[in-house]
């Protein structure tokens, strides 16, 4: 699904697949005819907008200047919600922080959503 431009959470994928066991996830195959309705389910689910994500990051903007500390965002990404791994965080954050370790979150969100 992700290769087709969708970005479901792991929880959504498990729900769509009927909560399969880890062994089933690793070893079972899915027929294309069974996959299409699942893709349609993910494709029609509501997605956040740029404004939604910017508003979420604004909570961490202590100075009100449109930036958040990269270190703080790294901690949030690794500890809250669907936790990201260190390599995932590094891939996401590479080239996004300025010389002070700050990140302009509106540009960051636009960049992430455009990829």
PDB file of N, CA and C in Angstrom:
ATOM      1  N   UNK A   1       0.825  -1.191   0.000  1.00  0.00           N
ATOM      2  CA  UNK A   1       0.000   0.000   0.000  1.00  0.00           C
ATOM      3  C   UNK A   1       0.867   1.253   0.000  1.00  0.00           C
ATOM      4  N   UNK A   2       1.938   1.200   0.787  1.00  0.00           N
ATOM      5  CA  UNK A   2       2.810   2.374   0.858  1.00  0.00           C
ATOM      6  C   UNK A   2       3.505   2.619  -0.473  1.00  0.00           C
ATOM      7  N   UNK A   3       3.802   1.562  -1.191  1.00  0.00           N
ATOM      8  CA  UNK A   3       4.431   1.709  -2.503  1.00  0.00           C
ATOM      9  C   UNK A   3       3.474   2.342  -3.512  1.00  0.00           C
ATOM     10  N   UNK A   4       2.196   2.333  -3.204  1.00  0.00           N
ATOM     11  CA  UNK A   4       1.184   2.920  -4.081  1.00  0.00           C
ATOM     12  C   UNK A   4       0.735   4.296  -3.597  1.00  0.00           C
ATOM     13  N   UNK A   5       1.531   4.903  -2.719  1.00  0.00           N
ATOM     14  CA  UNK A   5       1.244   6.273  -2.293  1.00  0.00           C
ATOM     15  C   UNK A   5       0.351   6.395  -1.076  1.00  0.00           C
ATOM     16  N   UNK A   6      -0.001   5.298  -0.454  1.00  0.00           N
ATOM     17  CA  UNK A   6      -0.834   5.351   0.742  1.00  0.00           C
ATOM     18  C   UNK A   6       0.078   5.282   1.960  1.00  0.00           C
ATOM     19  N   UNK A   7      -0.399   5.735   3.099  1.00  0.00           N
ATOM     20  CA  UNK A   7       0.423   5.718   4.301  1.00  0.00           C
ATOM     21  C   UNK A   7      -0.392   5.269   5.507  1.00  0.00           C
ATOM     22  N   UNK A   8      -0.920   4.041   5.457  1.00  0.00           N
ATOM     23  CA  UNK A   8      -1.696   3.572   6.610  1.00  0.00           C
ATOM     24  C   UNK A   8      -0.782   3.283   7.790  1.00  0.00           C
ATOM     25  N   UNK A   9      -1.314   3.421   8.985  1.00  0.00           N
ATOM     26  CA  UNK A   9      -0.555   3.056  10.176  1.00  0.00           C
ATOM     27  C   UNK A   9      -0.511   1.534  10.266  1.00  0.00           C
ATOM     28  N   UNK A  10       0.402   1.020  11.058  1.00  0.00           N
ATOM     29  CA  UNK A  10       0.469  -0.429  11.263  1.00  0.00           C
ATOM     30  C   UNK A  10      -0.835  -0.944  11.853  1.00  0.00           C
ATOM     31  N   UNK A  11      -1.442  -0.155  12.731  1.00  0.00           N
ATOM     32  CA  UNK A  11      -2.715  -0.543  13.335  1.00  0.00           C
ATOM     33  C   UNK A  11      -3.809  -0.672  12.266  1.00  0.00           C
ATOM     34  N   UNK A  12      -3.858   0.285  11.331  1.00  0.00           N
ATOM     35  CA  UNK A  12      -4.844   0.220  10.250  1.00  0.00           C
ATOM     36  C   UNK A  12      -4.619  -1.006   9.369  1.00  0.00           C
ATOM     37  N   UNK A  13      -3.365  -1.292   9.056  1.00  0.00           N
ATOM     38  CA  UNK A  13      -3.052  -2.456   8.228  1.00  0.00           C
ATOM     39  C   UNK A  13      -3.503  -3.736   8.923  1.00  0.00           C
ATOM     40  N   UNK A  14      -3.185  -3.863  10.206  1.00  0.00           N
ATOM     41  CA  UNK A  14      -3.607  -5.051  10.947  1.00  0.00           C
ATOM     42  C   UNK A  14      -5.121  -5.188  10.986  1.00  0.00           C
ATOM     43  N   UNK A  15      -5.817  -4.089  11.162  1.00  0.00           N
ATOM     44  CA  UNK A  15      -7.280  -4.112  11.188  1.00  0.00           C
ATOM     45  C   UNK A  15      -7.843  -4.537   9.838  1.00  0.00           C
ATOM     46  N   UNK A  16      -7.318  -3.974   8.757  1.00  0.00           N
ATOM     47  CA  UNK A  16      -7.778  -4.315   7.408  1.00  0.00           C
ATOM     48  C   UNK A  16      -7.526  -5.786   7.097  1.00  0.00           C
ATOM     49  N   UNK A  17      -6.391  -6.299   7.568  1.00  0.00           N
ATOM     50  CA  UNK A  17      -6.038  -7.704   7.310  1.00  0.00           C
ATOM     51  C   UNK A  17      -6.718  -8.673   8.269  1.00  0.00           C
ATOM     52  N   UNK A  18      -7.467  -8.157   9.234  1.00  0.00           N
ATOM     53  CA  UNK A  18      -8.170  -9.028  10.168  1.00  0.00           C
ATOM     54  C   UNK A  18      -7.316  -9.475  11.340  1.00  0.00           C
ATOM     55  N   UNK A  19      -6.380  -8.627  11.767  1.00  0.00           N
ATOM     56  CA  UNK A  19      -5.494  -8.906  12.904  1.00  0.00           C
ATOM     57  C   UNK A  19      -4.770 -10.244  12.774  1.00  0.00           C
ATOM     58  N   UNK A  20      -3.978 -10.407  11.733  1.00  0.00           N
ATOM     59  CA  UNK A  20      -3.255 -11.672  11.542  1.00  0.00           C
ATOM     60  C   UNK A  20      -2.128 -11.838  12.558  1.00  0.00           C
ATOM     61  N   UNK A  21      -1.714 -13.076  12.744  1.00  0.00           N
ATOM     62  CA  UNK A  21      -0.593 -13.356  13.653  1.00  0.00           C
ATOM     63  C   UNK A  21       0.706 -12.885  12.996  1.00  0.00           C
ATOM     64  N   UNK A  22       1.749 -12.673  13.780  1.00  0.00           N
ATOM     65  CA  UNK A  22       3.036 -12.281  13.188  1.00  0.00           C
ATOM     66  C   UNK A  22       3.535 -13.299  12.159  1.00  0.00           C
ATOM     67  N   UNK A  23       3.275 -14.581  12.407  1.00  0.00           N
ATOM     68  CA  UNK A  23       3.677 -15.621  11.466  1.00  0.00           C
ATOM     69  C   UNK A  23       2.924 -15.469  10.138  1.00  0.00           C
ATOM     70  N   UNK A  24       1.610 -15.182  10.224  1.00  0.00           N
ATOM     71  CA  UNK A  24       0.833 -14.967   8.997  1.00  0.00           C
ATOM     72  C   UNK A  24       1.329 -13.752   8.223  1.00  0.00           C
ATOM     73  N   UNK A  25       1.660 -12.673   8.943  1.00  0.00           N
ATOM     74  CA  UNK A  25       2.174 -11.475   8.284  1.00  0.00           C
ATOM     75  C   UNK A  25       3.468 -11.752   7.534  1.00  0.00           C
ATOM     76  N   UNK A  26       4.290 -12.603   8.101  1.00  0.00           N
ATOM     77  CA  UNK A  26       5.588 -12.893   7.500  1.00  0.00           C
ATOM     78  C   UNK A  26       5.512 -13.893   6.357  1.00  0.00           C
ATOM     79  N   UNK A  27       4.530 -14.779   6.379  1.00  0.00           N
ATOM     80  CA  UNK A  27       4.546 -15.905   5.443  1.00  0.00           C
ATOM     81  C   UNK A  27       3.389 -15.998   4.467  1.00  0.00           C
ATOM     82  N   UNK A  28       2.251 -15.417   4.772  1.00  0.00           N
ATOM     83  CA  UNK A  28       1.096 -15.550   3.880  1.00  0.00           C
ATOM     84  C   UNK A  28       1.151 -14.559   2.730  1.00  0.00           C
ATOM     85  N   UNK A  29       0.565 -14.955   1.628  1.00  0.00           N
ATOM     86  CA  UNK A  29       0.456 -14.082   0.462  1.00  0.00           C
ATOM     87  C   UNK A  29      -0.995 -13.646   0.308  1.00  0.00           C
ATOM     88  N   UNK A  30      -1.171 -12.541  -0.387  1.00  0.00           N
ATOM     89  CA  UNK A  30      -2.493 -11.966  -0.564  1.00  0.00           C
ATOM     90  C   UNK A  30      -2.794 -11.891  -2.057  1.00  0.00           C
ATOM     91  N   UNK A  31      -3.952 -12.399  -2.457  1.00  0.00           N
ATOM     92  CA  UNK A  31      -4.350 -12.341  -3.861  1.00  0.00           C
ATOM     93  C   UNK A  31      -4.697 -10.902  -4.238  1.00  0.00           C
ATOM     94  N   UNK A  32      -4.413 -10.544  -5.476  1.00  0.00           N
ATOM     95  CA  UNK A  32      -4.665  -9.184  -5.951  1.00  0.00           C
ATOM     96  C   UNK A  32      -6.141  -8.813  -5.801  1.00  0.00           C
ATOM     97  N   UNK A  33      -7.042  -9.755  -6.096  1.00  0.00           N
ATOM     98  CA  UNK A  33      -8.482  -9.486  -5.970  1.00  0.00           C
ATOM     99  C   UNK A  33      -8.878  -9.179  -4.530  1.00  0.00           C
ATOM    100  N   UNK A  34      -8.175  -9.754  -3.571  1.00  0.00           N
ATOM    101  CA  UNK A  34      -8.450  -9.464  -2.166  1.00  0.00           C
ATOM    102  C   UNK A  34      -7.803  -8.150  -1.737  1.00  0.00           C
ATOM    103  N   UNK A  35      -6.710  -7.794  -2.409  1.00  0.00           N
ATOM    104  CA  UNK A  35      -5.965  -6.580  -2.062  1.00  0.00           C
ATOM    105  C   UNK A  35      -6.706  -5.303  -2.466  1.00  0.00           C
ATOM    106  N   UNK A  36      -7.354  -5.309  -3.627  1.00  0.00           N
ATOM    107  CA  UNK A  36      -7.996  -4.086  -4.135  1.00  0.00           C
ATOM    108  C   UNK A  36      -9.008  -3.470  -3.171  1.00  0.00           C
ATOM    109  N   UNK A  37      -9.930  -4.259  -2.583  1.00  0.00           N
ATOM    110  CA  UNK A  37     -10.853  -3.639  -1.614  1.00  0.00           C
ATOM    111  C   UNK A  37     -10.135  -3.063  -0.395  1.00  0.00           C
ATOM    112  N   UNK A  38      -9.043  -3.707  -0.002  1.00  0.00           N
ATOM    113  CA  UNK A  38      -8.270  -3.203   1.137  1.00  0.00           C
ATOM    114  C   UNK A  38      -7.627  -1.862   0.795  1.00  0.00           C
ATOM    115  N   UNK A  39      -7.091  -1.762  -0.412  1.00  0.00           N
ATOM    116  CA  UNK A  39      -6.488  -0.509  -0.859  1.00  0.00           C
ATOM    117  C   UNK A  39      -7.530   0.600  -0.926  1.00  0.00           C
ATOM    118  N   UNK A  40      -8.704   0.262  -1.401  1.00  0.00           N
ATOM    119  CA  UNK A  40      -9.781   1.254  -1.487  1.00  0.00           C
ATOM    120  C   UNK A  40     -10.156   1.760  -0.096  1.00  0.00           C
ATOM    121  N   UNK A  41     -10.175   0.873   0.880  1.00  0.00           N
ATOM    122  CA  UNK A  41     -10.479   1.264   2.262  1.00  0.00           C
ATOM    123  C   UNK A  41      -9.471   2.290   2.766  1.00  0.00           C
ATOM    124  N   UNK A  42      -8.201   2.038   2.514  1.00  0.00           N
ATOM    125  CA  UNK A  42      -7.147   2.955   2.964  1.00  0.00           C
ATOM    126  C   UNK A  42      -7.206   4.259   2.183  1.00  0.00           C
ATOM    127  N   UNK A  43      -7.468   4.174   0.891  1.00  0.00           N
ATOM    128  CA  UNK A  43      -7.475   5.351   0.029  1.00  0.00           C
ATOM    129  C   UNK A  43      -8.592   6.320   0.400  1.00  0.00           C
ATOM    130  N   UNK A  44      -9.701   5.821   0.923  1.00  0.00           N
ATOM    131  CA  UNK A  44     -10.831   6.689   1.252  1.00  0.00           C
ATOM    132  C   UNK A  44     -10.830   7.148   2.707  1.00  0.00           C
ATOM    133  N   UNK A  45      -9.900   6.648   3.520  1.00  0.00           N
ATOM    134  CA  UNK A  45      -9.867   7.080   4.913  1.00  0.00           C
ATOM    135  C   UNK A  45      -9.379   8.528   4.989  1.00  0.00           C
ATOM    136  N   UNK A  46      -9.894   9.303   5.952  1.00  0.00           N
ATOM    137  CA  UNK A  46      -9.517  10.718   6.040  1.00  0.00           C
ATOM    138  C   UNK A  46      -8.028  10.882   6.338  1.00  0.00           C
ATOM    139  N   UNK A  47      -7.441  11.894   5.728  1.00  0.00           N
ATOM    140  CA  UNK A  47      -6.025  12.175   5.916  1.00  0.00           C
ATOM    141  C   UNK A  47      -5.872  13.598   6.467  1.00  0.00           C
ATOM    142  N   UNK A  48      -4.796  13.826   7.185  1.00  0.00           N
ATOM    143  CA  UNK A  48      -4.545  15.148   7.723  1.00  0.00           C
ATOM    144  C   UNK A  48      -4.096  16.112   6.635  1.00  0.00           C
ATOM    145  N   UNK A  49      -4.350  17.369   6.852  1.00  0.00           N
ATOM    146  CA  UNK A  49      -3.921  18.413   5.926  1.00  0.00           C
ATOM    147  C   UNK A  49      -2.642  19.056   6.443  1.00  0.00           C
ATOM    148  N   UNK A  50      -2.019  19.875   5.627  1.00  0.00           N
ATOM    149  CA  UNK A  50      -0.828  20.614   6.054  1.00  0.00           C
ATOM    150  C   UNK A  50      -1.146  21.399   7.323  1.00  0.00           C
ATOM    151  N   UNK A  51      -2.285  22.063   7.341  1.00  0.00           N
ATOM    152  CA  UNK A  51      -2.675  22.867   8.506  1.00  0.00           C
ATOM    153  C   UNK A  51      -2.811  22.019   9.768  1.00  0.00           C
ATOM    154  N   UNK A  52      -3.343  20.792   9.620  1.00  0.00           N
ATOM    155  CA  UNK A  52      -3.488  19.897  10.775  1.00  0.00           C
ATOM    156  C   UNK A  52      -2.127  19.580  11.381  1.00  0.00           C
ATOM    157  N   UNK A  53      -1.169  19.229  10.536  1.00  0.00           N
ATOM    158  CA  UNK A  53       0.161  18.865  11.028  1.00  0.00           C
ATOM    159  C   UNK A  53       0.910  20.073  11.580  1.00  0.00           C
ATOM    160  N   UNK A  54       0.781  21.218  10.919  1.00  0.00           N
ATOM    161  CA  UNK A  54       1.433  22.439  11.411  1.00  0.00           C
ATOM    162  C   UNK A  54       0.878  22.799  12.782  1.00  0.00           C
ATOM    163  N   UNK A  55      -0.429  22.706  12.938  1.00  0.00           N
ATOM    164  CA  UNK A  55      -1.056  23.013  14.226  1.00  0.00           C
ATOM    165  C   UNK A  55      -0.556  22.066  15.314  1.00  0.00           C
ATOM    166  N   UNK A  56      -0.380  20.794  14.963  1.00  0.00           N
ATOM    167  CA  UNK A  56       0.146  19.826  15.928  1.00  0.00           C
ATOM    168  C   UNK A  56       1.566  20.147  16.354  1.00  0.00           C
ATOM    169  N   UNK A  57       2.390  20.606  15.439  1.00  0.00           N
ATOM    170  CA  UNK A  57       3.773  20.950  15.770  1.00  0.00           C
ATOM    171  C   UNK A  57       3.887  22.298  16.467  1.00  0.00           C
ATOM    172  N   UNK A  58       2.913  23.164  16.245  1.00  0.00           N
ATOM    173  CA  UNK A  58       2.932  24.493  16.874  1.00  0.00           C
ATOM    174  C   UNK A  58       2.932  24.384  18.399  1.00  0.00           C
ATOM    175  N   UNK A  59       2.389  23.296  18.926  1.00  0.00           N
ATOM    176  CA  UNK A  59       2.372  23.068  20.370  1.00  0.00           C
ATOM    177  C   UNK A  59       3.794  23.081  20.938  1.00  0.00           C
ATOM    178  N   UNK A  60       4.778  22.643  20.142  1.00  0.00           N
ATOM    179  CA  UNK A  60       6.158  22.562  20.589  1.00  0.00           C
ATOM    180  C   UNK A  60       6.961  23.836  20.306  1.00  0.00           C
ATOM    181  N   UNK A  61       6.320  24.820  19.702  1.00  0.00           N
ATOM    182  CA  UNK A  61       6.984  26.087  19.351  1.00  0.00           C
ATOM    183  C   UNK A  61       6.923  27.025  20.551  1.00  0.00           C
ATOM    184  N   UNK A  62       7.877  26.874  21.445  1.00  0.00           N
ATOM    185  CA  UNK A  62       7.877  27.634  22.699  1.00  0.00           C
ATOM    186  C   UNK A  62       8.078  29.135  22.500  1.00  0.00           C
ATOM    187  N   UNK A  63       8.810  29.521  21.465  1.00  0.00           N
ATOM    188  CA  UNK A  63       9.098  30.937  21.236  1.00  0.00           C
ATOM    189  C   UNK A  63       8.125  31.587  20.249  1.00  0.00           C
ATOM    190  N   UNK A  64       7.261  30.799  19.632  1.00  0.00           N
ATOM    191  CA  UNK A  64       6.289  31.344  18.692  1.00  0.00           C
ATOM    192  C   UNK A  64       6.917  31.885  17.416  1.00  0.00           C
ATOM    193  N   UNK A  65       8.079  31.332  17.023  1.00  0.00           N
ATOM    194  CA  UNK A  65       8.772  31.839  15.841  1.00  0.00           C
ATOM    195  C   UNK A  65       8.747  30.876  14.644  1.00  0.00           C
ATOM    196  N   UNK A  66       7.896  29.864  14.716  1.00  0.00           N
ATOM    197  CA  UNK A  66       7.764  28.949  13.585  1.00  0.00           C
ATOM    198  C   UNK A  66       8.784  27.820  13.570  1.00  0.00           C
ATOM    199  N   UNK A  67       9.496  27.652  14.685  1.00  0.00           N
ATOM    200  CA  UNK A  67      10.486  26.579  14.756  1.00  0.00           C
ATOM    201  C   UNK A  67      10.273  25.730  16.001  1.00  0.00           C
ATOM    202  N   UNK A  68      10.751  24.498  15.913  1.00  0.00           N
ATOM    203  CA  UNK A  68      10.799  23.604  17.066  1.00  0.00           C
ATOM    204  C   UNK A  68      12.216  23.047  17.134  1.00  0.00           C
ATOM    205  N   UNK A  69      12.621  22.631  18.305  1.00  0.00           N
ATOM    206  CA  UNK A  69      13.938  22.027  18.451  1.00  0.00           C
ATOM    207  C   UNK A  69      13.915  20.629  17.841  1.00  0.00           C
ATOM    208  N   UNK A  70      14.893  20.349  16.996  1.00  0.00           N
ATOM    209  CA  UNK A  70      14.978  19.047  16.353  1.00  0.00           C
ATOM    210  C   UNK A  70      15.084  17.920  17.364  1.00  0.00           C
ATOM    211  N   UNK A  71      15.831  18.136  18.445  1.00  0.00           N
ATOM    212  CA  UNK A  71      15.996  17.110  19.480  1.00  0.00           C
ATOM    213  C   UNK A  71      14.655  16.766  20.128  1.00  0.00           C
ATOM    214  N   UNK A  72      13.846  17.791  20.362  1.00  0.00           N
ATOM    215  CA  UNK A  72      12.535  17.564  20.974  1.00  0.00           C
ATOM    216  C   UNK A  72      11.631  16.780  20.025  1.00  0.00           C
ATOM    217  N   UNK A  73      11.662  17.114  18.746  1.00  0.00           N
ATOM    218  CA  UNK A  73      10.856  16.393  17.766  1.00  0.00           C
ATOM    219  C   UNK A  73      11.310  14.942  17.653  1.00  0.00           C
ATOM    220  N   UNK A  74      12.605  14.712  17.722  1.00  0.00           N
ATOM    221  CA  UNK A  74      13.136  13.342  17.680  1.00  0.00           C
ATOM    222  C   UNK A  74      12.583  12.517  18.839  1.00  0.00           C
ATOM    223  N   UNK A  75      12.548  13.112  20.020  1.00  0.00           N
ATOM    224  CA  UNK A  75      12.028  12.409  21.199  1.00  0.00           C
ATOM    225  C   UNK A  75      10.549  12.085  21.001  1.00  0.00           C
ATOM    226  N   UNK A  76       9.779  13.044  20.512  1.00  0.00           N
ATOM    227  CA  UNK A  76       8.354  12.832  20.284  1.00  0.00           C
ATOM    228  C   UNK A  76       8.131  11.705  19.263  1.00  0.00           C
ATOM    229  N   UNK A  77       8.888  11.736  18.180  1.00  0.00           N
ATOM    230  CA  UNK A  77       8.726  10.720  17.134  1.00  0.00           C
ATOM    231  C   UNK A  77       9.097   9.330  17.617  1.00  0.00           C
ATOM    232  N   UNK A  78      10.002   9.244  18.572  1.00  0.00           N
ATOM    233  CA  UNK A  78      10.440   7.929  19.042  1.00  0.00           C
ATOM    234  C   UNK A  78       9.648   7.416  20.239  1.00  0.00           C
ATOM    235  N   UNK A  79       8.813   8.266  20.845  1.00  0.00           N
ATOM    236  CA  UNK A  79       8.122   7.835  22.066  1.00  0.00           C
ATOM    237  C   UNK A  79       6.596   7.900  22.015  1.00  0.00           C
ATOM    238  N   UNK A  80       6.021   8.711  21.147  1.00  0.00           N
ATOM    239  CA  UNK A  80       4.569   8.874  21.145  1.00  0.00           C
ATOM    240  C   UNK A  80       3.933   8.245  19.915  1.00  0.00           C
ATOM    241  N   UNK A  81       2.692   7.815  20.056  1.00  0.00           N
ATOM    242  CA  UNK A  81       1.940   7.290  18.923  1.00  0.00           C
ATOM    243  C   UNK A  81       2.582   6.055  18.328  1.00  0.00           C
ATOM    244  N   UNK A  82       2.589   5.977  17.017  1.00  0.00           N
ATOM    245  CA  UNK A  82       3.251   4.871  16.324  1.00  0.00           C
ATOM    246  C   UNK A  82       4.741   5.203  16.277  1.00  0.00           C
ATOM    247  N   UNK A  83       5.478   4.653  17.216  1.00  0.00           N
ATOM    248  CA  UNK A  83       6.880   5.017  17.438  1.00  0.00           C
ATOM    249  C   UNK A  83       7.750   4.718  16.221  1.00  0.00           C
ATOM    250  N   UNK A  84       8.610   5.669  15.897  1.00  0.00           N
ATOM    251  CA  UNK A  84       9.552   5.503  14.792  1.00  0.00           C
ATOM    252  C   UNK A  84      10.884   5.009  15.329  1.00  0.00           C
ATOM    253  N   UNK A  85      11.614   4.272  14.507  1.00  0.00           N
ATOM    254  CA  UNK A  85      12.943   3.807  14.883  1.00  0.00           C
ATOM    255  C   UNK A  85      13.952   4.925  14.627  1.00  0.00           C
ATOM    256  N   UNK A  86      15.146   4.803  15.205  1.00  0.00           N
ATOM    257  CA  UNK A  86      16.195   5.797  14.996  1.00  0.00           C
ATOM    258  C   UNK A  86      16.539   5.973  13.509  1.00  0.00           C
ATOM    259  N   UNK A  87      16.711   4.870  12.738  1.00  0.00           N
ATOM    260  CA  UNK A  87      16.994   5.057  11.308  1.00  0.00           C
ATOM    261  C   UNK A  87      15.866   5.778  10.560  1.00  0.00           C
ATOM    262  N   UNK A  88      14.616   5.500  10.926  1.00  0.00           N
ATOM    263  CA  UNK A  88      13.486   6.192  10.296  1.00  0.00           C
ATOM    264  C   UNK A  88      13.519   7.682  10.621  1.00  0.00           C
ATOM    265  N   UNK A  89      13.800   7.998  11.867  1.00  0.00           N
ATOM    266  CA  UNK A  89      13.865   9.399  12.294  1.00  0.00           C
ATOM    267  C   UNK A  89      15.011  10.107  11.581  1.00  0.00           C
ATOM    268  N   UNK A  90      16.154   9.462  11.502  1.00  0.00           N
ATOM    269  CA  UNK A  90      17.303  10.062  10.813  1.00  0.00           C
ATOM    270  C   UNK A  90      16.978  10.344   9.351  1.00  0.00           C
ATOM    271  N   UNK A  91      16.328   9.395   8.683  1.00  0.00           N
ATOM    272  CA  UNK A  91      15.965   9.593   7.277  1.00  0.00           C
ATOM    273  C   UNK A  91      14.995  10.763   7.130  1.00  0.00           C
ATOM    274  N   UNK A  92      14.093  10.908   8.068  1.00  0.00           N
ATOM    275  CA  UNK A  92      13.100  11.981   8.036  1.00  0.00           C
ATOM    276  C   UNK A  92      13.717  13.350   8.317  1.00  0.00           C
ATOM    277  N   UNK A  93      14.667  13.394   9.247  1.00  0.00           N
ATOM    278  CA  UNK A  93      15.208  14.661   9.727  1.00  0.00           C
ATOM    279  C   UNK A  93      16.443  15.140   8.970  1.00  0.00           C
ATOM    280  N   UNK A  94      17.053  14.300   8.160  1.00  0.00           N
ATOM    281  CA  UNK A  94      18.282  14.668   7.465  1.00  0.00           C
ATOM    282  C   UNK A  94      18.085  15.935   6.636  1.00  0.00           C
ATOM    283  N   UNK A  95      18.909  16.935   6.914  1.00  0.00           N
ATOM    284  CA  UNK A  95      18.870  18.186   6.172  1.00  0.00           C
ATOM    285  C   UNK A  95      17.757  19.138   6.566  1.00  0.00           C
ATOM    286  N   UNK A  96      17.020  18.839   7.610  1.00  0.00           N
ATOM    287  CA  UNK A  96      15.880  19.679   7.996  1.00  0.00           C
ATOM    288  C   UNK A  96      16.211  20.686   9.099  1.00  0.00           C
ATOM    289  N   UNK A  97      17.257  20.418   9.869  1.00  0.00           N
ATOM    290  CA  UNK A  97      17.592  21.291  10.987  1.00  0.00           C
ATOM    291  C   UNK A  97      18.586  22.369  10.567  1.00  0.00           C
ATOM    292  N   UNK A  98      18.464  23.551  11.175  1.00  0.00           N
ATOM    293  CA  UNK A  98      19.426  24.625  10.897  1.00  0.00           C
ATOM    294  C   UNK A  98      20.650  24.472  11.806  1.00  0.00           C
ATOM    295  N   UNK A  99      21.553  25.443  11.755  1.00  0.00           N
ATOM    296  CA  UNK A  99      22.800  25.351  12.518  1.00  0.00           C
ATOM    297  C   UNK A  99      22.572  25.366  14.030  1.00  0.00           C
ATOM    298  N   UNK A 100      21.399  25.822  14.477  1.00  0.00           N
ATOM    299  CA  UNK A 100      21.078  25.857  15.906  1.00  0.00           C
ATOM    300  C   UNK A 100      20.326  24.612  16.369  1.00  0.00           C
ATOM    301  N   UNK A 101      20.075  23.682  15.448  1.00  0.00           N
ATOM    302  CA  UNK A 101      19.319  22.476  15.795  1.00  0.00           C
ATOM    303  C   UNK A 101      17.818  22.683  15.759  1.00  0.00           C
ATOM    304  N   UNK A 102      17.386  23.825  15.199  1.00  0.00           N
ATOM    305  CA  UNK A 102      15.954  24.122  15.081  1.00  0.00           C
ATOM    306  C   UNK A 102      15.432  23.664  13.730  1.00  0.00           C
ATOM    307  N   UNK A 103      14.145  23.469  13.681  1.00  0.00           N
ATOM    308  CA  UNK A 103      13.494  23.000  12.468  1.00  0.00           C
ATOM    309  C   UNK A 103      12.305  23.917  12.180  1.00  0.00           C
ATOM    310  N   UNK A 104      12.204  24.463  10.989  1.00  0.00           N
ATOM    311  CA  UNK A 104      11.046  25.275  10.592  1.00  0.00           C
ATOM    312  C   UNK A 104       9.923  24.316  10.224  1.00  0.00           C
ATOM    313  N   UNK A 105       8.972  24.184  11.143  1.00  0.00           N
ATOM    314  CA  UNK A 105       8.017  23.084  11.023  1.00  0.00           C
ATOM    315  C   UNK A 105       7.039  23.216   9.864  1.00  0.00           C
ATOM    316  N   UNK A 106       6.676  24.408   9.447  1.00  0.00           N
ATOM    317  CA  UNK A 106       5.755  24.523   8.315  1.00  0.00           C
ATOM    318  C   UNK A 106       6.420  24.024   7.019  1.00  0.00           C
ATOM    319  N   UNK A 107       7.666  24.415   6.795  1.00  0.00           N
ATOM    320  CA  UNK A 107       8.414  23.933   5.619  1.00  0.00           C
ATOM    321  C   UNK A 107       8.650  22.426   5.720  1.00  0.00           C
ATOM    322  N   UNK A 108       8.904  21.951   6.941  1.00  0.00           N
ATOM    323  CA  UNK A 108       9.125  20.526   7.176  1.00  0.00           C
ATOM    324  C   UNK A 108       7.885  19.714   6.798  1.00  0.00           C
ATOM    325  N   UNK A 109       6.725  20.162   7.253  1.00  0.00           N
ATOM    326  CA  UNK A 109       5.476  19.459   6.945  1.00  0.00           C
ATOM    327  C   UNK A 109       5.222  19.460   5.438  1.00  0.00           C
ATOM    328  N   UNK A 110       5.413  20.588   4.792  1.00  0.00           N
ATOM    329  CA  UNK A 110       5.192  20.667   3.342  1.00  0.00           C
ATOM    330  C   UNK A 110       6.148  19.735   2.602  1.00  0.00           C
ATOM    331  N   UNK A 111       7.391  19.678   3.059  1.00  0.00           N
ATOM    332  CA  UNK A 111       8.369  18.781   2.438  1.00  0.00           C
ATOM    333  C   UNK A 111       7.936  17.321   2.608  1.00  0.00           C
ATOM    334  N   UNK A 112       7.577  16.928   3.807  1.00  0.00           N
ATOM    335  CA  UNK A 112       7.200  15.545   4.094  1.00  0.00           C
ATOM    336  C   UNK A 112       5.969  15.150   3.276  1.00  0.00           C
ATOM    337  N   UNK A 113       4.982  16.013   3.214  1.00  0.00           N
ATOM    338  CA  UNK A 113       3.749  15.674   2.489  1.00  0.00           C
ATOM    339  C   UNK A 113       3.923  15.705   0.979  1.00  0.00           C
ATOM    340  N   UNK A 114       4.985  16.334   0.494  1.00  0.00           N
ATOM    341  CA  UNK A 114       5.207  16.386  -0.956  1.00  0.00           C
ATOM    342  C   UNK A 114       5.986  15.181  -1.459  1.00  0.00           C
ATOM    343  N   UNK A 115       6.615  14.441  -0.555  1.00  0.00           N
ATOM    344  CA  UNK A 115       7.448  13.295  -0.956  1.00  0.00           C
ATOM    345  C   UNK A 115       6.570  12.103  -1.280  1.00  0.00           C
TER     346      UNK A 115
END
